[in-house]
Amino acid sequence: MSIADQVQALRLRKLKILDDHRKSRQQLERTLDVELAKIDMEIAQLGDASAKLPCLVRITPGPELTIYHSADRPCGRVHNRRNFKRMREVDAMDASPYAYLERCSACDWRRAAKIHGERLIKDS
């Protein structure tokens, strides 16, 4: 085997080692991302299960109230927070004299639940 062939063989070996290392790191990153996503989902579930999830209920005159909004991640329909009262979600159910209130489908409740869950963990 010539010196050029030996150098080429060493270069290929080096490239294989680098490629294996890169693939190993990518796998570790994917595993880390999956584990962190699972924890984030559990935090969001904890926040969503809490009756103290903050929400916004409109207090200004207008049509019959049917929905309430997320206080942490409201949709674009919440233009001026002064038109809303911040309260716990469990209390929002009784806030309307008209009927049962429901969550606004446009608000980002999943993200709001995660924010609230992180607050619960921080405060405990």
PDB file of N, CA and C in Angstrom:
ATOM      1  N   MET A   1       0.857  -1.174   0.000  1.00  0.00           N
ATOM      2  CA  MET A   1       0.000   0.000   0.000  1.00  0.00           C
ATOM      3  C   MET A   1       0.899   1.231   0.000  1.00  0.00           C
ATOM      4  N   SER A   2       0.603   2.163  -0.901  1.00  0.00           N
ATOM      5  CA  SER A   2       1.427   3.367  -1.011  1.00  0.00           C
ATOM      6  C   SER A   2       1.094   4.342   0.117  1.00  0.00           C
ATOM      7  N   ILE A   3       1.963   5.315   0.269  1.00  0.00           N
ATOM      8  CA  ILE A   3       1.749   6.346   1.297  1.00  0.00           C
ATOM      9  C   ILE A   3       0.464   7.122   0.999  1.00  0.00           C
ATOM     10  N   ALA A   4       0.206   7.403  -0.253  1.00  0.00           N
ATOM     11  CA  ALA A   4      -1.018   8.131  -0.638  1.00  0.00           C
ATOM     12  C   ALA A   4      -2.253   7.324  -0.251  1.00  0.00           C
ATOM     13  N   ASP A   5      -2.188   5.996  -0.453  1.00  0.00           N
ATOM     14  CA  ASP A   5      -3.316   5.146  -0.074  1.00  0.00           C
ATOM     15  C   ASP A   5      -3.502   5.119   1.445  1.00  0.00           C
ATOM     16  N   GLN A   6      -2.394   5.096   2.174  1.00  0.00           N
ATOM     17  CA  GLN A   6      -2.447   5.089   3.638  1.00  0.00           C
ATOM     18  C   GLN A   6      -3.043   6.406   4.160  1.00  0.00           C
ATOM     19  N   VAL A   7      -2.613   7.520   3.560  1.00  0.00           N
ATOM     20  CA  VAL A   7      -3.152   8.834   3.950  1.00  0.00           C
ATOM     21  C   VAL A   7      -4.645   8.892   3.647  1.00  0.00           C
ATOM     22  N   GLN A   8      -5.012   8.382   2.472  1.00  0.00           N
ATOM     23  CA  GLN A   8      -6.438   8.381   2.099  1.00  0.00           C
ATOM     24  C   GLN A   8      -7.240   7.518   3.076  1.00  0.00           C
ATOM     25  N   ALA A   9      -6.701   6.354   3.458  1.00  0.00           N
ATOM     26  CA  ALA A   9      -7.385   5.473   4.400  1.00  0.00           C
ATOM     27  C   ALA A   9      -7.552   6.163   5.758  1.00  0.00           C
ATOM     28  N   LEU A  10      -6.534   6.891   6.215  1.00  0.00           N
ATOM     29  CA  LEU A  10      -6.612   7.627   7.477  1.00  0.00           C
ATOM     30  C   LEU A  10      -7.631   8.758   7.393  1.00  0.00           C
ATOM     31  N   ARG A  11      -7.664   9.448   6.264  1.00  0.00           N
ATOM     32  CA  ARG A  11      -8.649  10.530   6.066  1.00  0.00           C
ATOM     33  C   ARG A  11     -10.070   9.974   6.140  1.00  0.00           C
ATOM     34  N   LEU A  12     -10.273   8.834   5.474  1.00  0.00           N
ATOM     35  CA  LEU A  12     -11.604   8.217   5.489  1.00  0.00           C
ATOM     36  C   LEU A  12     -11.991   7.772   6.898  1.00  0.00           C
ATOM     37  N   ARG A  13     -11.012   7.218   7.621  1.00  0.00           N
ATOM     38  CA  ARG A  13     -11.262   6.821   9.007  1.00  0.00           C
ATOM     39  C   ARG A  13     -11.636   8.029   9.869  1.00  0.00           C
ATOM     40  N   LYS A  14     -10.909   9.119   9.662  1.00  0.00           N
ATOM     41  CA  LYS A  14     -11.172  10.363  10.405  1.00  0.00           C
ATOM     42  C   LYS A  14     -12.580  10.885  10.082  1.00  0.00           C
ATOM     43  N   LEU A  15     -12.946  10.886   8.803  1.00  0.00           N
ATOM     44  CA  LEU A  15     -14.274  11.360   8.393  1.00  0.00           C
ATOM     45  C   LEU A  15     -15.379  10.483   8.985  1.00  0.00           C
ATOM     46  N   LYS A  16     -15.131   9.168   9.020  1.00  0.00           N
ATOM     47  CA  LYS A  16     -16.119   8.255   9.608  1.00  0.00           C
ATOM     48  C   LYS A  16     -16.289   8.543  11.091  1.00  0.00           C
ATOM     49  N   ILE A  17     -15.214   8.752  11.812  1.00  0.00           N
ATOM     50  CA  ILE A  17     -15.278   9.071  13.243  1.00  0.00           C
ATOM     51  C   ILE A  17     -16.046  10.369  13.458  1.00  0.00           C
ATOM     52  N   LEU A  18     -15.750  11.381  12.657  1.00  0.00           N
ATOM     53  CA  LEU A  18     -16.454  12.661  12.778  1.00  0.00           C
ATOM     54  C   LEU A  18     -17.940  12.504  12.458  1.00  0.00           C
ATOM     55  N   ASP A  19     -18.255  11.728  11.416  1.00  0.00           N
ATOM     56  CA  ASP A  19     -19.647  11.517  11.042  1.00  0.00           C
ATOM     57  C   ASP A  19     -20.394  10.746  12.131  1.00  0.00           C
ATOM     58  N   ASP A  20     -19.764   9.706  12.676  1.00  0.00           N
ATOM     59  CA  ASP A  20     -20.390   8.951  13.772  1.00  0.00           C
ATOM     60  C   ASP A  20     -20.631   9.846  14.986  1.00  0.00           C
ATOM     61  N   HIS A  21     -19.688  10.716  15.290  1.00  0.00           N
ATOM     62  CA  HIS A  21     -19.829  11.639  16.414  1.00  0.00           C
ATOM     63  C   HIS A  21     -20.995  12.607  16.166  1.00  0.00           C
ATOM     64  N   ARG A  22     -21.082  13.120  14.955  1.00  0.00           N
ATOM     65  CA  ARG A  22     -22.158  14.052  14.600  1.00  0.00           C
ATOM     66  C   ARG A  22     -23.519  13.361  14.722  1.00  0.00           C
ATOM     67  N   LYS A  23     -23.614  12.129  14.228  1.00  0.00           N
ATOM     68  CA  LYS A  23     -24.873  11.384  14.315  1.00  0.00           C
ATOM     69  C   LYS A  23     -25.243  11.090  15.769  1.00  0.00           C
ATOM     70  N   SER A  24     -24.250  10.774  16.575  1.00  0.00           N
ATOM     71  CA  SER A  24     -24.482  10.511  17.993  1.00  0.00           C
ATOM     72  C   SER A  24     -25.003  11.759  18.696  1.00  0.00           C
ATOM     73  N   ARG A  25     -24.404  12.901  18.401  1.00  0.00           N
ATOM     74  CA  ARG A  25     -24.867  14.165  19.006  1.00  0.00           C
ATOM     75  C   ARG A  25     -26.273  14.516  18.552  1.00  0.00           C
ATOM     76  N   GLN A  26     -26.575  14.281  17.273  1.00  0.00           N
ATOM     77  CA  GLN A  26     -27.918  14.561  16.773  1.00  0.00           C
ATOM     78  C   GLN A  26     -28.947  13.686  17.486  1.00  0.00           C
ATOM     79  N   GLN A  27     -28.598  12.412  17.703  1.00  0.00           N
ATOM     80  CA  GLN A  27     -29.510  11.519  18.405  1.00  0.00           C
ATOM     81  C   GLN A  27     -29.725  11.993  19.839  1.00  0.00           C
ATOM     82  N   LEU A  28     -28.649  12.416  20.502  1.00  0.00           N
ATOM     83  CA  LEU A  28     -28.773  12.941  21.862  1.00  0.00           C
ATOM     84  C   LEU A  28     -29.651  14.188  21.890  1.00  0.00           C
ATOM     85  N   GLU A  29     -29.492  15.064  20.898  1.00  0.00           N
ATOM     86  CA  GLU A  29     -30.312  16.284  20.816  1.00  0.00           C
ATOM     87  C   GLU A  29     -31.786  15.922  20.628  1.00  0.00           C
ATOM     88  N   ARG A  30     -32.061  14.942  19.761  1.00  0.00           N
ATOM     89  CA  ARG A  30     -33.457  14.521  19.551  1.00  0.00           C
ATOM     90  C   ARG A  30     -34.044  13.943  20.833  1.00  0.00           C
ATOM     91  N   THR A  31     -33.257  13.115  21.522  1.00  0.00           N
ATOM     92  CA  THR A  31     -33.714  12.531  22.781  1.00  0.00           C
ATOM     93  C   THR A  31     -33.988  13.620  23.806  1.00  0.00           C
ATOM     94  N   LEU A  32     -33.088  14.595  23.892  1.00  0.00           N
ATOM     95  CA  LEU A  32     -33.270  15.723  24.809  1.00  0.00           C
ATOM     96  C   LEU A  32     -34.539  16.492  24.472  1.00  0.00           C
ATOM     97  N   ASP A  33     -34.746  16.785  23.188  1.00  0.00           N
ATOM     98  CA  ASP A  33     -35.941  17.514  22.765  1.00  0.00           C
ATOM     99  C   ASP A  33     -37.218  16.763  23.131  1.00  0.00           C
ATOM    100  N   VAL A  34     -37.229  15.446  22.931  1.00  0.00           N
ATOM    101  CA  VAL A  34     -38.404  14.633  23.253  1.00  0.00           C
ATOM    102  C   VAL A  34     -38.682  14.662  24.755  1.00  0.00           C
ATOM    103  N   GLU A  35     -37.641  14.497  25.555  1.00  0.00           N
ATOM    104  CA  GLU A  35     -37.819  14.491  27.017  1.00  0.00           C
ATOM    105  C   GLU A  35     -38.296  15.854  27.522  1.00  0.00           C
ATOM    106  N   LEU A  36     -37.725  16.925  26.989  1.00  0.00           N
ATOM    107  CA  LEU A  36     -38.161  18.268  27.401  1.00  0.00           C
ATOM    108  C   LEU A  36     -39.594  18.544  26.962  1.00  0.00           C
ATOM    109  N   ALA A  37     -39.965  18.073  25.781  1.00  0.00           N
ATOM    110  CA  ALA A  37     -41.342  18.247  25.309  1.00  0.00           C
ATOM    111  C   ALA A  37     -42.321  17.499  26.212  1.00  0.00           C
ATOM    112  N   LYS A  38     -41.942  16.313  26.681  1.00  0.00           N
ATOM    113  CA  LYS A  38     -42.798  15.564  27.598  1.00  0.00           C
ATOM    114  C   LYS A  38     -43.007  16.337  28.901  1.00  0.00           C
ATOM    115  N   ILE A  39     -41.930  16.915  29.415  1.00  0.00           N
ATOM    116  CA  ILE A  39     -42.032  17.691  30.661  1.00  0.00           C
ATOM    117  C   ILE A  39     -42.901  18.924  30.438  1.00  0.00           C
ATOM    118  N   ASP A  40     -42.718  19.612  29.307  1.00  0.00           N
ATOM    119  CA  ASP A  40     -43.545  20.778  29.000  1.00  0.00           C
ATOM    120  C   ASP A  40     -45.015  20.390  28.915  1.00  0.00           C
ATOM    121  N   MET A  41     -45.294  19.222  28.340  1.00  0.00           N
ATOM    122  CA  MET A  41     -46.680  18.763  28.230  1.00  0.00           C
ATOM    123  C   MET A  41     -47.253  18.476  29.617  1.00  0.00           C
ATOM    124  N   GLU A  42     -46.462  17.877  30.498  1.00  0.00           N
ATOM    125  CA  GLU A  42     -46.929  17.612  31.856  1.00  0.00           C
ATOM    126  C   GLU A  42     -47.175  18.909  32.622  1.00  0.00           C
ATOM    127  N   ILE A  43     -46.307  19.894  32.419  1.00  0.00           N
ATOM    128  CA  ILE A  43     -46.501  21.202  33.059  1.00  0.00           C
ATOM    129  C   ILE A  43     -47.798  21.837  32.557  1.00  0.00           C
ATOM    130  N   ALA A  44     -48.029  21.757  31.236  1.00  0.00           N
ATOM    131  CA  ALA A  44     -49.256  22.322  30.666  1.00  0.00           C
ATOM    132  C   ALA A  44     -50.481  21.594  31.202  1.00  0.00           C
ATOM    133  N   GLN A  45     -50.397  20.272  31.363  1.00  0.00           N
ATOM    134  CA  GLN A  45     -51.523  19.515  31.903  1.00  0.00           C
ATOM    135  C   GLN A  45     -51.789  19.907  33.356  1.00  0.00           C
ATOM    136  N   LEU A  46     -50.714  20.118  34.104  1.00  0.00           N
ATOM    137  CA  LEU A  46     -50.857  20.562  35.489  1.00  0.00           C
ATOM    138  C   LEU A  46     -51.559  21.914  35.535  1.00  0.00           C
ATOM    139  N   GLY A  47     -51.130  22.854  34.688  1.00  0.00           N
ATOM    140  CA  GLY A  47     -51.757  24.175  34.650  1.00  0.00           C
ATOM    141  C   GLY A  47     -53.191  24.119  34.184  1.00  0.00           C
ATOM    142  N   ASP A  48     -53.459  23.253  33.199  1.00  0.00           N
ATOM    143  CA  ASP A  48     -54.807  23.151  32.650  1.00  0.00           C
ATOM    144  C   ASP A  48     -55.769  22.514  33.654  1.00  0.00           C
ATOM    145  N   ALA A  49     -55.243  21.643  34.482  1.00  0.00           N
ATOM    146  CA  ALA A  49     -56.087  20.981  35.480  1.00  0.00           C
ATOM    147  C   ALA A  49     -56.370  21.883  36.678  1.00  0.00           C
ATOM    148  N   SER A  50     -55.616  22.965  36.801  1.00  0.00           N
ATOM    149  CA  SER A  50     -55.796  23.863  37.925  1.00  0.00           C
ATOM    150  C   SER A  50     -57.037  24.729  37.718  1.00  0.00           C
ATOM    151  N   ALA A  51     -57.857  24.792  38.736  1.00  0.00           N
ATOM    152  CA  ALA A  51     -59.054  25.637  38.662  1.00  0.00           C
ATOM    153  C   ALA A  51     -58.688  27.113  38.743  1.00  0.00           C
ATOM    154  N   LYS A  52     -57.430  27.392  39.059  1.00  0.00           N
ATOM    155  CA  LYS A  52     -56.989  28.781  39.219  1.00  0.00           C
ATOM    156  C   LYS A  52     -56.394  29.366  37.939  1.00  0.00           C
ATOM    157  N   LEU A  53     -56.517  28.668  36.812  1.00  0.00           N
ATOM    158  CA  LEU A  53     -56.013  29.173  35.548  1.00  0.00           C
ATOM    159  C   LEU A  53     -56.629  30.549  35.285  1.00  0.00           C
ATOM    160  N   PRO A  54     -55.808  31.599  35.129  1.00  0.00           N
ATOM    161  CA  PRO A  54     -56.367  32.941  34.977  1.00  0.00           C
ATOM    162  C   PRO A  54     -57.030  33.156  33.626  1.00  0.00           C
ATOM    163  N   CYS A  55     -58.154  33.835  33.669  1.00  0.00           N
ATOM    164  CA  CYS A  55     -58.871  34.133  32.435  1.00  0.00           C
ATOM    165  C   CYS A  55     -59.419  35.557  32.498  1.00  0.00           C
ATOM    166  N   LEU A  56     -59.923  35.992  31.375  1.00  0.00           N
ATOM    167  CA  LEU A  56     -60.489  37.342  31.251  1.00  0.00           C
ATOM    168  C   LEU A  56     -61.964  37.227  30.879  1.00  0.00           C
ATOM    169  N   VAL A  57     -62.810  37.899  31.652  1.00  0.00           N
ATOM    170  CA  VAL A  57     -64.244  37.931  31.375  1.00  0.00           C
ATOM    171  C   VAL A  57     -64.617  39.381  31.085  1.00  0.00           C
ATOM    172  N   ARG A  58     -65.311  39.582  29.974  1.00  0.00           N
ATOM    173  CA  ARG A  58     -65.682  40.952  29.579  1.00  0.00           C
ATOM    174  C   ARG A  58     -66.645  41.545  30.595  1.00  0.00           C
ATOM    175  N   ILE A  59     -66.376  42.797  30.977  1.00  0.00           N
ATOM    176  CA  ILE A  59     -67.225  43.476  31.959  1.00  0.00           C
ATOM    177  C   ILE A  59     -67.954  44.674  31.360  1.00  0.00           C
ATOM    178  N   THR A  60     -67.663  45.014  30.121  1.00  0.00           N
ATOM    179  CA  THR A  60     -68.321  46.148  29.476  1.00  0.00           C
ATOM    180  C   THR A  60     -69.625  45.691  28.832  1.00  0.00           C
ATOM    181  N   PRO A  61     -70.570  46.627  28.634  1.00  0.00           N
ATOM    182  CA  PRO A  61     -71.852  46.260  28.019  1.00  0.00           C
ATOM    183  C   PRO A  61     -71.650  45.729  26.611  1.00  0.00           C
ATOM    184  N   GLY A  62     -72.517  44.865  26.210  1.00  0.00           N
ATOM    185  CA  GLY A  62     -72.440  44.296  24.873  1.00  0.00           C
ATOM    186  C   GLY A  62     -73.377  43.108  24.756  1.00  0.00           C
ATOM    187  N   PRO A  63     -73.133  42.294  23.756  1.00  0.00           N
ATOM    188  CA  PRO A  63     -73.997  41.122  23.577  1.00  0.00           C
ATOM    189  C   PRO A  63     -73.839  40.138  24.735  1.00  0.00           C
ATOM    190  N   GLU A  64     -74.732  39.195  24.785  1.00  0.00           N
ATOM    191  CA  GLU A  64     -74.723  38.188  25.844  1.00  0.00           C
ATOM    192  C   GLU A  64     -73.360  37.492  25.904  1.00  0.00           C
ATOM    193  N   LEU A  65     -72.830  37.368  27.106  1.00  0.00           N
ATOM    194  CA  LEU A  65     -71.535  36.703  27.275  1.00  0.00           C
ATOM    195  C   LEU A  65     -71.687  35.205  27.080  1.00  0.00           C
ATOM    196  N   THR A  66     -70.832  34.651  26.246  1.00  0.00           N
ATOM    197  CA  THR A  66     -70.833  33.208  26.051  1.00  0.00           C
ATOM    198  C   THR A  66     -69.445  32.609  26.242  1.00  0.00           C
ATOM    199  N   ILE A  67     -68.414  33.460  26.167  1.00  0.00           N
ATOM    200  CA  ILE A  67     -67.043  32.952  26.268  1.00  0.00           C
ATOM    201  C   ILE A  67     -66.205  33.815  27.210  1.00  0.00           C
ATOM    202  N   TYR A  68     -65.112  33.242  27.637  1.00  0.00           N
ATOM    203  CA  TYR A  68     -64.087  33.985  28.361  1.00  0.00           C
ATOM    204  C   TYR A  68     -62.760  33.688  27.676  1.00  0.00           C
ATOM    205  N   HIS A  69     -61.787  34.552  27.917  1.00  0.00           N
ATOM    206  CA  HIS A  69     -60.499  34.477  27.220  1.00  0.00           C
ATOM    207  C   HIS A  69     -59.372  34.116  28.185  1.00  0.00           C
ATOM    208  N   SER A  70     -58.288  33.651  27.630  1.00  0.00           N
ATOM    209  CA  SER A  70     -57.087  33.363  28.416  1.00  0.00           C
ATOM    210  C   SER A  70     -56.455  34.681  28.861  1.00  0.00           C
ATOM    211  N   ALA A  71     -56.065  34.761  30.118  1.00  0.00           N
ATOM    212  CA  ALA A  71     -55.402  35.975  30.609  1.00  0.00           C
ATOM    213  C   ALA A  71     -53.926  35.991  30.210  1.00  0.00           C
ATOM    214  N   ASP A  72     -53.327  34.803  30.050  1.00  0.00           N
ATOM    215  CA  ASP A  72     -51.910  34.735  29.725  1.00  0.00           C
ATOM    216  C   ASP A  72     -51.633  34.726  28.225  1.00  0.00           C
ATOM    217  N   ARG A  73     -52.530  34.149  27.436  1.00  0.00           N
ATOM    218  CA  ARG A  73     -52.345  34.073  25.986  1.00  0.00           C
ATOM    219  C   ARG A  73     -53.665  34.370  25.278  1.00  0.00           C
ATOM    220  N   PRO A  74     -54.169  35.617  25.415  1.00  0.00           N
ATOM    221  CA  PRO A  74     -55.459  35.934  24.796  1.00  0.00           C
ATOM    222  C   PRO A  74     -55.369  36.021  23.278  1.00  0.00           C
ATOM    223  N   CYS A  75     -56.497  35.844  22.652  1.00  0.00           N
ATOM    224  CA  CYS A  75     -56.575  35.971  21.199  1.00  0.00           C
ATOM    225  C   CYS A  75     -56.640  37.447  20.813  1.00  0.00           C
ATOM    226  N   GLY A  76     -56.780  37.714  19.544  1.00  0.00           N
ATOM    227  CA  GLY A  76     -56.832  39.082  19.040  1.00  0.00           C
ATOM    228  C   GLY A  76     -58.118  39.816  19.367  1.00  0.00           C
ATOM    229  N   ARG A  77     -59.096  39.114  19.895  1.00  0.00           N
ATOM    230  CA  ARG A  77     -60.365  39.773  20.253  1.00  0.00           C
ATOM    231  C   ARG A  77     -60.247  40.583  21.536  1.00  0.00           C
ATOM    232  N   VAL A  78     -59.176  40.349  22.285  1.00  0.00           N
ATOM    233  CA  VAL A  78     -58.950  41.095  23.524  1.00  0.00           C
ATOM    234  C   VAL A  78     -58.076  42.292  23.169  1.00  0.00           C
ATOM    235  N   HIS A  79     -58.721  43.402  22.842  1.00  0.00           N
ATOM    236  CA  HIS A  79     -57.978  44.597  22.427  1.00  0.00           C
ATOM    237  C   HIS A  79     -57.571  45.452  23.624  1.00  0.00           C
ATOM    238  N   ASN A  80     -58.480  45.624  24.553  1.00  0.00           N
ATOM    239  CA  ASN A  80     -58.239  46.489  25.691  1.00  0.00           C
ATOM    240  C   ASN A  80     -58.560  45.706  26.965  1.00  0.00           C
ATOM    241  N   ARG A  81     -57.540  45.402  27.732  1.00  0.00           N
ATOM    242  CA  ARG A  81     -57.737  44.586  28.935  1.00  0.00           C
ATOM    243  C   ARG A  81     -58.601  45.296  29.979  1.00  0.00           C
ATOM    244  N   ARG A  82     -58.759  46.609  29.874  1.00  0.00           N
ATOM    245  CA  ARG A  82     -59.618  47.314  30.833  1.00  0.00           C
ATOM    246  C   ARG A  82     -61.082  46.939  30.659  1.00  0.00           C
ATOM    247  N   ASN A  83     -61.424  46.347  29.522  1.00  0.00           N
ATOM    248  CA  ASN A  83     -62.795  45.904  29.279  1.00  0.00           C
ATOM    249  C   ASN A  83     -63.067  44.517  29.866  1.00  0.00           C
ATOM    250  N   PHE A  84     -62.050  43.941  30.498  1.00  0.00           N
ATOM    251  CA  PHE A  84     -62.157  42.579  31.016  1.00  0.00           C
ATOM    252  C   PHE A  84     -61.756  42.531  32.478  1.00  0.00           C
ATOM    253  N   LYS A  85     -62.356  41.603  33.193  1.00  0.00           N
ATOM    254  CA  LYS A  85     -61.970  41.363  34.576  1.00  0.00           C
ATOM    255  C   LYS A  85     -61.150  40.078  34.614  1.00  0.00           C
ATOM    256  N   ARG A  86     -59.990  40.150  35.250  1.00  0.00           N
ATOM    257  CA  ARG A  86     -59.138  38.962  35.400  1.00  0.00           C
ATOM    258  C   ARG A  86     -59.635  38.167  36.602  1.00  0.00           C
ATOM    259  N   MET A  87     -59.850  36.880  36.402  1.00  0.00           N
ATOM    260  CA  MET A  87     -60.314  36.017  37.482  1.00  0.00           C
ATOM    261  C   MET A  87     -59.861  34.592  37.224  1.00  0.00           C
ATOM    262  N   ARG A  88     -60.042  33.751  38.229  1.00  0.00           N
ATOM    263  CA  ARG A  88     -59.713  32.341  38.065  1.00  0.00           C
ATOM    264  C   ARG A  88     -60.769  31.697  37.178  1.00  0.00           C
ATOM    265  N   GLU A  89     -60.337  30.704  36.431  1.00  0.00           N
ATOM    266  CA  GLU A  89     -61.259  30.057  35.498  1.00  0.00           C
ATOM    267  C   GLU A  89     -62.481  29.480  36.212  1.00  0.00           C
ATOM    268  N   VAL A  90     -62.287  28.927  37.375  1.00  0.00           N
ATOM    269  CA  VAL A  90     -63.410  28.346  38.112  1.00  0.00           C
ATOM    270  C   VAL A  90     -64.445  29.420  38.453  1.00  0.00           C
ATOM    271  N   ASP A  91     -64.003  30.643  38.682  1.00  0.00           N
ATOM    272  CA  ASP A  91     -64.921  31.737  38.991  1.00  0.00           C
ATOM    273  C   ASP A  91     -65.609  32.281  37.738  1.00  0.00           C
ATOM    274  N   ALA A  92     -65.010  32.069  36.586  1.00  0.00           N
ATOM    275  CA  ALA A  92     -65.599  32.568  35.332  1.00  0.00           C
ATOM    276  C   ALA A  92     -66.920  31.874  35.030  1.00  0.00           C
ATOM    277  N   MET A  93     -67.050  30.663  35.499  1.00  0.00           N
ATOM    278  CA  MET A  93     -68.287  29.919  35.243  1.00  0.00           C
ATOM    279  C   MET A  93     -69.503  30.639  35.831  1.00  0.00           C
ATOM    280  N   ASP A  94     -69.297  31.343  36.936  1.00  0.00           N
ATOM    281  CA  ASP A  94     -70.402  32.035  37.602  1.00  0.00           C
ATOM    282  C   ASP A  94     -70.461  33.519  37.254  1.00  0.00           C
ATOM    283  N   ALA A  95     -69.568  33.980  36.381  1.00  0.00           N
ATOM    284  CA  ALA A  95     -69.462  35.415  36.107  1.00  0.00           C
ATOM    285  C   ALA A  95     -70.564  35.942  35.202  1.00  0.00           C
ATOM    286  N   SER A  96     -71.167  35.099  34.433  1.00  0.00           N
ATOM    287  CA  SER A  96     -72.184  35.562  33.496  1.00  0.00           C
ATOM    288  C   SER A  96     -73.582  35.368  34.070  1.00  0.00           C
ATOM    289  N   PRO A  97     -74.405  36.417  34.040  1.00  0.00           N
ATOM    290  CA  PRO A  97     -75.790  36.261  34.489  1.00  0.00           C
ATOM    291  C   PRO A  97     -76.641  35.538  33.445  1.00  0.00           C
ATOM    292  N   TYR A  98     -76.099  35.367  32.241  1.00  0.00           N
ATOM    293  CA  TYR A  98     -76.872  34.806  31.132  1.00  0.00           C
ATOM    294  C   TYR A  98     -76.849  33.283  31.092  1.00  0.00           C
ATOM    295  N   ALA A  99     -75.669  32.734  31.020  1.00  0.00           N
ATOM    296  CA  ALA A  99     -75.548  31.294  30.823  1.00  0.00           C
ATOM    297  C   ALA A  99     -74.148  30.841  31.195  1.00  0.00           C
ATOM    298  N   TYR A 100     -73.906  29.607  30.941  1.00  0.00           N
ATOM    299  CA  TYR A 100     -72.608  29.002  31.177  1.00  0.00           C
ATOM    300  C   TYR A 100     -71.595  29.568  30.186  1.00  0.00           C
ATOM    301  N   LEU A 101     -70.456  29.997  30.686  1.00  0.00           N
ATOM    302  CA  LEU A 101     -69.401  30.505  29.820  1.00  0.00           C
ATOM    303  C   LEU A 101     -68.470  29.379  29.382  1.00  0.00           C
ATOM    304  N   GLU A 102     -67.930  29.511  28.170  1.00  0.00           N
ATOM    305  CA  GLU A 102     -66.986  28.542  27.640  1.00  0.00           C
ATOM    306  C   GLU A 102     -65.686  29.240  27.275  1.00  0.00           C
ATOM    307  N   ARG A 103     -64.623  28.453  27.175  1.00  0.00           N
ATOM    308  CA  ARG A 103     -63.335  28.984  26.743  1.00  0.00           C
ATOM    309  C   ARG A 103     -63.422  29.482  25.301  1.00  0.00           C
ATOM    310  N   CYS A 104     -62.766  30.587  25.048  1.00  0.00           N
ATOM    311  CA  CYS A 104     -62.659  31.094  23.684  1.00  0.00           C
ATOM    312  C   CYS A 104     -61.804  30.113  22.880  1.00  0.00           C
ATOM    313  N   SER A 105     -62.277  29.727  21.733  1.00  0.00           N
ATOM    314  CA  SER A 105     -61.543  28.748  20.926  1.00  0.00           C
ATOM    315  C   SER A 105     -60.346  29.372  20.205  1.00  0.00           C
ATOM    316  N   ALA A 106     -60.274  30.698  20.157  1.00  0.00           N
ATOM    317  CA  ALA A 106     -59.166  31.355  19.465  1.00  0.00           C
ATOM    318  C   ALA A 106     -57.971  31.632  20.376  1.00  0.00           C
ATOM    319  N   CYS A 107     -58.168  31.601  21.677  1.00  0.00           N
ATOM    320  CA  CYS A 107     -57.062  31.848  22.613  1.00  0.00           C
ATOM    321  C   CYS A 107     -56.124  30.639  22.634  1.00  0.00           C
ATOM    322  N   ASP A 108     -54.883  30.891  22.978  1.00  0.00           N
ATOM    323  CA  ASP A 108     -53.871  29.832  23.028  1.00  0.00           C
ATOM    324  C   ASP A 108     -53.878  29.201  24.422  1.00  0.00           C
ATOM    325  N   TRP A 109     -54.878  28.373  24.696  1.00  0.00           N
ATOM    326  CA  TRP A 109     -55.051  27.781  26.024  1.00  0.00           C
ATOM    327  C   TRP A 109     -53.926  26.820  26.379  1.00  0.00           C
ATOM    328  N   ARG A 110     -53.382  26.145  25.375  1.00  0.00           N
ATOM    329  CA  ARG A 110     -52.283  25.206  25.645  1.00  0.00           C
ATOM    330  C   ARG A 110     -51.070  25.947  26.190  1.00  0.00           C
ATOM    331  N   ARG A 111     -50.715  27.039  25.563  1.00  0.00           N
ATOM    332  CA  ARG A 111     -49.572  27.843  26.021  1.00  0.00           C
ATOM    333  C   ARG A 111     -49.901  28.512  27.353  1.00  0.00           C
ATOM    334  N   ALA A 112     -51.122  28.971  27.502  1.00  0.00           N
ATOM    335  CA  ALA A 112     -51.537  29.596  28.766  1.00  0.00           C
ATOM    336  C   ALA A 112     -51.443  28.595  29.907  1.00  0.00           C
ATOM    337  N   ALA A 113     -51.857  27.354  29.653  1.00  0.00           N
ATOM    338  CA  ALA A 113     -51.781  26.320  30.686  1.00  0.00           C
ATOM    339  C   ALA A 113     -50.334  26.040  31.065  1.00  0.00           C
ATOM    340  N   LYS A 114     -49.439  26.072  30.074  1.00  0.00           N
ATOM    341  CA  LYS A 114     -48.014  25.846  30.363  1.00  0.00           C
ATOM    342  C   LYS A 114     -47.468  26.990  31.215  1.00  0.00           C
ATOM    343  N   ILE A 115     -47.811  28.206  30.872  1.00  0.00           N
ATOM    344  CA  ILE A 115     -47.358  29.375  31.641  1.00  0.00           C
ATOM    345  C   ILE A 115     -47.870  29.266  33.081  1.00  0.00           C
ATOM    346  N   HIS A 116     -49.143  28.910  33.223  1.00  0.00           N
ATOM    347  CA  HIS A 116     -49.730  28.794  34.553  1.00  0.00           C
ATOM    348  C   HIS A 116     -49.090  27.645  35.334  1.00  0.00           C
ATOM    349  N   GLY A 117     -48.838  26.522  34.670  1.00  0.00           N
ATOM    350  CA  GLY A 117     -48.190  25.389  35.319  1.00  0.00           C
ATOM    351  C   GLY A 117     -46.796  25.751  35.807  1.00  0.00           C
ATOM    352  N   GLU A 118     -46.053  26.516  35.013  1.00  0.00           N
ATOM    353  CA  GLU A 118     -44.724  26.967  35.419  1.00  0.00           C
ATOM    354  C   GLU A 118     -44.820  27.875  36.634  1.00  0.00           C
ATOM    355  N   ARG A 119     -45.870  28.718  36.669  1.00  0.00           N
ATOM    356  CA  ARG A 119     -46.095  29.580  37.833  1.00  0.00           C
ATOM    357  C   ARG A 119     -46.386  28.757  39.080  1.00  0.00           C
ATOM    358  N   LEU A 120     -47.214  27.715  38.916  1.00  0.00           N
ATOM    359  CA  LEU A 120     -47.552  26.850  40.048  1.00  0.00           C
ATOM    360  C   LEU A 120     -46.296  26.181  40.606  1.00  0.00           C
ATOM    361  N   ILE A 121     -45.431  25.706  39.739  1.00  0.00           N
ATOM    362  CA  ILE A 121     -44.202  25.050  40.166  1.00  0.00           C
ATOM    363  C   ILE A 121     -43.287  26.060  40.870  1.00  0.00           C
ATOM    364  N   LYS A 122     -43.190  27.238  40.293  1.00  0.00           N
ATOM    365  CA  LYS A 122     -42.324  28.301  40.857  1.00  0.00           C
ATOM    366  C   LYS A 122     -42.804  28.729  42.239  1.00  0.00           C
ATOM    367  N   ASP A 123     -44.139  28.822  42.386  1.00  0.00           N
ATOM    368  CA  ASP A 123     -44.713  29.305  43.642  1.00  0.00           C
ATOM    369  C   ASP A 123     -44.736  28.243  44.746  1.00  0.00           C
ATOM    370  N   SER A 124     -44.537  26.983  44.370  1.00  0.00           N
ATOM    371  CA  SER A 124     -44.616  25.927  45.395  1.00  0.00           C
ATOM    372  C   SER A 124     -43.288  25.696  46.084  1.00  0.00           C
TER     373      SER A 124
END
